[in-house]
Protein backbone atom coordinates (compact mmCIF):
# COMPACT_ATOMS: atom_id res chain seq x y z
CA MET A 1 -16.64 -35.15 2.00
CA SER A 2 -14.60 -32.21 0.78
CA LYS A 3 -14.10 -30.27 -2.31
CA THR A 4 -10.55 -29.72 -4.56
CA ILE A 5 -9.75 -25.34 -5.23
CA GLN A 6 -7.98 -25.09 -8.34
CA VAL A 7 -6.08 -21.71 -8.53
CA ARG A 8 -3.89 -21.02 -11.50
CA VAL A 9 -0.56 -18.93 -10.66
CA ASP A 10 2.79 -18.66 -12.30
CA ASP A 11 5.14 -21.36 -11.90
CA GLN A 12 7.86 -18.77 -9.75
CA LEU A 13 5.40 -18.02 -7.42
CA LYS A 14 4.45 -21.83 -6.77
CA ASP A 15 7.80 -22.27 -6.51
CA SER A 16 8.45 -19.95 -3.55
CA SER A 17 5.32 -20.53 -1.98
CA ASP A 18 6.07 -23.80 -1.66
CA LYS A 19 9.66 -23.50 -0.25
CA LEU A 20 8.44 -20.12 2.12
CA PHE A 21 5.62 -23.40 3.07
CA SER A 22 7.99 -25.69 3.73
CA SER A 23 10.35 -23.87 5.68
CA LEU A 24 7.56 -23.43 8.30
CA GLY A 25 6.60 -27.26 8.27
CA LEU A 26 3.16 -26.82 5.84
CA ASP A 27 2.39 -28.17 2.32
CA THR A 28 0.55 -25.31 0.15
CA SER A 29 -2.32 -26.95 0.76
CA THR A 30 -2.02 -27.07 4.50
CA ALA A 31 -1.52 -23.11 4.41
CA ILE A 32 -4.42 -21.86 1.91
CA ARG A 33 -6.80 -23.83 3.96
CA MET A 34 -5.13 -22.21 7.99
CA PHE A 35 -5.72 -18.89 5.32
CA LEU A 36 -9.75 -19.89 4.87
CA VAL A 37 -10.19 -21.01 8.44
CA ALA A 38 -8.24 -17.51 9.34
CA SER A 39 -10.33 -16.05 6.91
CA LEU A 40 -14.25 -17.46 8.60
CA GLU A 41 -12.93 -16.79 12.59
CA ARG A 42 -12.17 -13.71 11.06
CA GLY A 43 -15.34 -12.86 9.57
CA GLY A 44 -12.64 -11.52 6.63
CA ILE A 45 -9.79 -11.56 4.38
CA PRO A 46 -6.92 -12.42 7.53
CA PHE A 47 -4.44 -9.21 7.25
CA ALA A 48 -4.85 -6.26 5.61
CA VAL A 49 -6.34 -5.00 1.81
CA THR A 50 -5.20 -1.70 1.51
CA HIS A 51 -4.01 0.77 -1.15
CA GLY A 52 0.27 1.33 -1.89
CA ILE A 53 1.41 2.72 1.20
CA ASP A 54 3.60 5.80 0.62
CA ARG A 55 6.03 4.67 3.78
CA ASP A 56 8.29 7.94 3.46
CA SER A 57 5.32 10.04 4.33
CA THR A 58 4.68 7.87 7.34
CA ILE A 59 7.97 7.95 8.45
CA ARG A 60 8.19 12.06 8.02
CA GLU A 61 4.59 12.58 10.14
CA SER A 62 5.86 9.84 12.64
CA ILE A 63 9.25 11.91 13.38
CA ARG A 64 6.93 15.58 13.45
CA TYR A 65 4.89 13.60 15.89
CA ARG A 66 7.82 12.95 18.12
CA GLU A 67 9.58 16.04 17.56
CA SER A 68 6.15 17.67 19.09
CA GLY A 69 6.56 15.24 21.74
CA GLY A 70 4.48 12.92 20.78
CA THR A 71 5.51 9.34 22.57
CA PHE A 72 5.17 5.73 20.80
CA LEU A 73 5.12 2.26 23.59
CA THR A 74 7.80 0.64 24.31
CA ALA A 75 8.03 -2.67 22.03
CA GLU A 76 7.41 -4.21 26.24
CA GLN A 77 4.32 -2.13 26.82
CA SER A 78 2.96 -3.00 23.03
CA LEU A 79 3.19 -6.81 24.75
CA THR A 80 1.65 -5.68 27.24
CA ASN A 81 -0.94 -4.33 25.87
CA MET A 82 -1.42 -7.65 23.61
CA ARG A 83 -1.24 -10.58 26.21
CA ALA A 84 -3.92 -8.28 27.47
CA ALA A 85 -6.15 -7.92 24.94
CA ILE A 86 -5.94 -11.46 23.93
CA LYS A 87 -6.29 -12.35 27.84
CA ALA A 88 -9.88 -10.35 27.60
CA GLY A 89 -10.82 -11.92 24.96
CA VAL A 90 -10.33 -15.46 25.79
CA ASP A 91 -12.05 -14.86 29.18
CA HIS A 92 -15.01 -13.91 27.60
CA GLY A 93 -15.23 -16.53 25.05
CA ILE A 94 -13.39 -14.75 21.65
């Protein structure tokens, strides 16, 4: 058995969302179901829920960090780390 969820949103949000999901090969109902499943799998909202970020301060902080000798991972190093984390999760049944 299935249940219906009704959510009121303004016309522009609905139309824009429909277009986005359609471009991804989805309908809005499927996208919402994906959100609900991802929420259950994560045990919470499947993306960060935060207050606004002061991007200028973040950039300045990153510049200071780099100027003081700090280093950042390359894109390839980040991908390697993510792949290893995913494999470790799969190996542990996650």
